Amino acid sequence: MDAEDLGRLAWLGLLLMVLGGWVLVEFRGRVGFALRTAAAWGLIFLGVTYLDRYRMGIEGGVLWLERGGRGMTWLSRLAERRIAAFRARGGLTGLAGEGRPLPDRPGDAVGFRILAAAGALPPEIVPKKQVAAQRAHLAGLTDPDEIRQALARLADLEMRQAIAEEARRRFLR
């Protein structure tokens, strides 16, 4: 921790002591009400802390929310300092692949690798296999009614596959 973080921590500790003392004096004898009030303020604090990383607005009657609030948070700065200290001690030298570029993998590859290591299939793989099976089934049909039903089933499976892929893309974004 540097001097800036220590100063912030001291300020937050002092603020907590003052507010805590006020709460004890103000709500003595009404513990239930004090706990409800503390929970409400705690949730407000968490919400503000979380939304600090986002920008929000209303355009054309539509509420939008996007990432891009402030820069690095105190936790990010702490992690960066720890990584820099570890690098200065030589902890990041001699690793396999050092000095070579990272392999060119799409963003999905990391998520797929994590799922594969856990022994799970990505959610869109099952619909993808179903779509391939339905296309093979459709290729062997000759009756127009069966073709129409198979095409409707294929469209449904393709839609489910697209929904699963979009959900994964949004999750990994």
Protein backbone atom coordinates (compact mmCIF):
# COMPACT_ATOMS: atom_id res chain seq x y z
CA MET A 1 0.00 0.00 0.00
CA ASP A 2 1.29 3.45 -0.82
CA ALA A 3 0.68 6.69 1.05
CA GLU A 4 -2.41 7.50 -1.02
CA ASP A 5 -4.09 4.20 -0.15
CA LEU A 6 -3.18 4.57 3.53
CA GLY A 7 -4.67 8.06 3.57
CA ARG A 8 -7.88 6.80 2.01
CA LEU A 9 -8.03 3.90 4.44
CA ALA A 10 -7.53 6.26 7.41
CA TRP A 11 -10.26 8.59 6.10
CA LEU A 12 -12.70 5.71 5.60
CA GLY A 13 -11.90 4.37 9.09
CA LEU A 14 -12.55 7.78 10.66
CA LEU A 15 -15.77 8.17 8.69
CA LEU A 16 -16.90 4.71 9.77
CA MET A 17 -16.20 5.50 13.43
CA VAL A 18 -18.13 8.77 13.29
CA LEU A 19 -21.11 7.27 11.47
CA GLY A 20 -21.04 4.16 13.67
CA GLY A 21 -21.06 6.29 16.82
CA TRP A 22 -23.95 8.35 15.51
CA VAL A 23 -25.92 5.17 14.67
CA LEU A 24 -25.36 3.75 18.16
CA VAL A 25 -26.57 6.95 19.82
CA GLU A 26 -29.46 7.59 17.43
CA PHE A 27 -30.91 4.08 17.33
CA ARG A 28 -30.34 2.80 20.87
CA GLY A 29 -33.33 0.78 21.93
CA ARG A 30 -34.46 0.26 18.30
CA VAL A 31 -32.07 -2.44 17.09
CA GLY A 32 -34.37 -3.87 14.40
CA PHE A 33 -34.89 -0.49 12.78
CA ALA A 34 -31.15 0.21 12.98
CA LEU A 35 -30.33 -3.07 11.24
CA ARG A 36 -32.86 -2.44 8.47
CA THR A 37 -31.49 1.05 7.93
CA ALA A 38 -27.90 -0.24 7.90
CA ALA A 39 -28.83 -2.94 5.37
CA ALA A 40 -30.52 -0.38 3.11
CA TRP A 41 -27.50 1.95 3.22
CA GLY A 42 -25.16 -0.99 2.66
CA LEU A 43 -27.07 -1.97 -0.48
CA ILE A 44 -27.03 1.62 -1.69
CA PHE A 45 -23.26 1.75 -1.12
CA LEU A 46 -22.70 -1.51 -3.01
CA GLY A 47 -24.89 -0.33 -5.89
CA VAL A 48 -23.06 2.98 -6.19
CA THR A 49 -19.70 1.21 -5.98
CA TYR A 50 -20.72 -1.25 -8.69
CA LEU A 51 -22.28 1.35 -10.99
CA ASP A 52 -19.22 3.57 -10.63
CA ARG A 53 -17.65 1.44 -13.37
CA TYR A 54 -20.54 2.07 -15.75
CA ARG A 55 -22.11 5.00 -17.56
CA MET A 56 -25.85 5.22 -17.72
CA GLY A 57 -28.28 7.41 -19.61
CA ILE A 58 -31.66 7.68 -21.23
CA GLU A 59 -31.92 8.20 -24.96
CA GLY A 60 -35.20 8.21 -26.83
CA GLY A 61 -37.02 6.79 -23.82
CA VAL A 62 -34.60 3.84 -23.60
CA LEU A 63 -32.32 3.34 -20.59
CA TRP A 64 -28.78 2.32 -21.59
CA LEU A 65 -25.89 1.12 -19.50
CA GLU A 66 -22.33 0.60 -20.72
CA ARG A 67 -18.92 -0.03 -19.26
CA GLY A 68 -16.47 2.81 -19.15
CA GLY A 69 -16.68 4.62 -15.85
CA ARG A 70 -13.50 5.69 -14.10
CA GLY A 71 -10.07 4.30 -14.71
CA MET A 72 -8.43 1.70 -12.52
CA THR A 73 -10.04 0.91 -9.20
CA TRP A 74 -8.02 0.60 -6.02
CA LEU A 75 -8.11 -3.18 -6.36
CA SER A 76 -6.77 -3.01 -9.93
CA ARG A 77 -3.99 -0.68 -8.81
CA LEU A 78 -3.12 -3.04 -5.96
CA ALA A 79 -2.98 -6.01 -8.36
CA GLU A 80 -0.80 -4.05 -10.81
CA ARG A 81 1.62 -3.10 -8.01
CA ARG A 82 1.84 -6.74 -6.85
CA ILE A 83 2.54 -7.91 -10.42
CA ALA A 84 5.22 -5.22 -10.84
CA ALA A 85 6.89 -6.24 -7.55
CA PHE A 86 6.78 -9.91 -8.57
CA ARG A 87 8.30 -9.04 -11.95
CA ALA A 88 11.04 -6.99 -10.24
CA ARG A 89 11.98 -10.05 -8.12
CA GLY A 90 12.28 -12.10 -11.35
CA GLY A 91 9.15 -14.12 -10.77
CA LEU A 92 7.99 -13.81 -14.36
CA THR A 93 11.20 -14.93 -16.09
CA GLY A 94 12.01 -18.35 -17.46
CA LEU A 95 8.39 -19.22 -18.24
CA ALA A 96 7.51 -21.56 -21.09
CA GLY A 97 6.99 -19.54 -24.25
CA GLU A 98 8.78 -16.46 -22.95
CA GLY A 99 9.78 -14.13 -25.77
CA ARG A 100 7.39 -15.68 -28.28
CA PRO A 101 4.07 -14.15 -29.29
CA LEU A 102 0.92 -15.60 -27.82
CA PRO A 103 -0.92 -18.06 -30.06
CA ASP A 104 -3.62 -16.47 -32.17
CA ARG A 105 -6.82 -17.66 -30.57
CA PRO A 106 -10.25 -16.17 -30.88
CA GLY A 107 -11.80 -14.91 -27.66
CA ASP A 108 -13.97 -18.00 -27.51
CA ALA A 109 -11.00 -20.38 -27.25
CA VAL A 110 -10.23 -19.43 -23.66
CA GLY A 111 -13.81 -20.02 -22.55
CA PHE A 112 -13.98 -23.30 -24.46
CA ARG A 113 -10.71 -24.43 -22.90
CA ILE A 114 -12.01 -23.70 -19.39
CA LEU A 115 -15.21 -25.63 -20.09
CA ALA A 116 -13.26 -28.54 -21.61
CA ALA A 117 -10.97 -28.69 -18.56
CA ALA A 118 -14.09 -28.92 -16.39
CA GLY A 119 -15.45 -31.72 -18.57
CA ALA A 120 -18.41 -29.67 -19.83
CA LEU A 121 -19.63 -28.85 -23.31
CA PRO A 122 -20.21 -25.22 -24.22
CA PRO A 123 -23.98 -24.57 -24.35
CA GLU A 124 -24.03 -23.86 -28.10
CA ILE A 125 -22.31 -27.11 -29.07
CA VAL A 126 -25.42 -29.22 -28.41
CA PRO A 127 -27.63 -27.10 -30.72
CA LYS A 128 -24.81 -27.07 -33.30
CA LYS A 129 -24.77 -30.88 -33.35
CA GLN A 130 -28.57 -30.94 -33.56
CA VAL A 131 -28.47 -28.53 -36.54
CA ALA A 132 -25.95 -30.76 -38.34
CA ALA A 133 -28.08 -33.85 -37.68
CA GLN A 134 -31.23 -32.07 -38.86
CA ARG A 135 -29.51 -30.95 -42.09
CA ALA A 136 -28.41 -34.55 -42.75
CA HIS A 137 -31.97 -35.73 -42.09
CA LEU A 138 -33.34 -33.01 -44.41
CA ALA A 139 -31.01 -34.06 -47.24
CA GLY A 140 -32.62 -37.52 -47.35
CA LEU A 141 -36.27 -36.33 -47.45
CA THR A 142 -38.43 -36.31 -50.59
CA ASP A 143 -41.98 -35.75 -49.30
CA PRO A 144 -42.88 -32.00 -49.42
CA ASP A 145 -44.76 -32.11 -46.08
CA GLU A 146 -41.85 -33.79 -44.34
CA ILE A 147 -39.44 -31.29 -45.91
CA ARG A 148 -41.56 -28.39 -44.65
CA GLN A 149 -41.65 -29.83 -41.12
CA ALA A 150 -37.91 -30.56 -41.21
CA LEU A 151 -37.18 -26.99 -42.40
CA ALA A 152 -39.30 -25.57 -39.56
CA ARG A 153 -37.40 -27.75 -37.07
CA LEU A 154 -34.08 -26.68 -38.64
CA ALA A 155 -35.02 -22.99 -38.34
CA ASP A 156 -35.93 -23.51 -34.67
CA LEU A 157 -32.62 -25.29 -33.95
CA GLU A 158 -30.61 -22.60 -35.77
CA MET A 159 -32.37 -19.90 -33.75
CA ARG A 160 -31.57 -21.73 -30.49
CA GLN A 161 -27.95 -22.08 -31.58
CA ALA A 162 -27.72 -18.36 -32.41
CA ILE A 163 -29.22 -17.46 -29.01
CA ALA A 164 -26.70 -19.67 -27.21
CA GLU A 165 -23.77 -18.20 -29.19
CA GLU A 166 -24.93 -14.63 -28.54
CA ALA A 167 -25.33 -15.36 -24.82
CA ARG A 168 -21.76 -16.70 -24.69
CA ARG A 169 -20.41 -13.69 -26.62
CA ARG A 170 -22.11 -11.29 -24.22
CA PHE A 171 -20.85 -13.24 -21.22
CA LEU A 172 -17.24 -13.24 -22.49
CA ARG A 173 -17.32 -9.56 -23.48
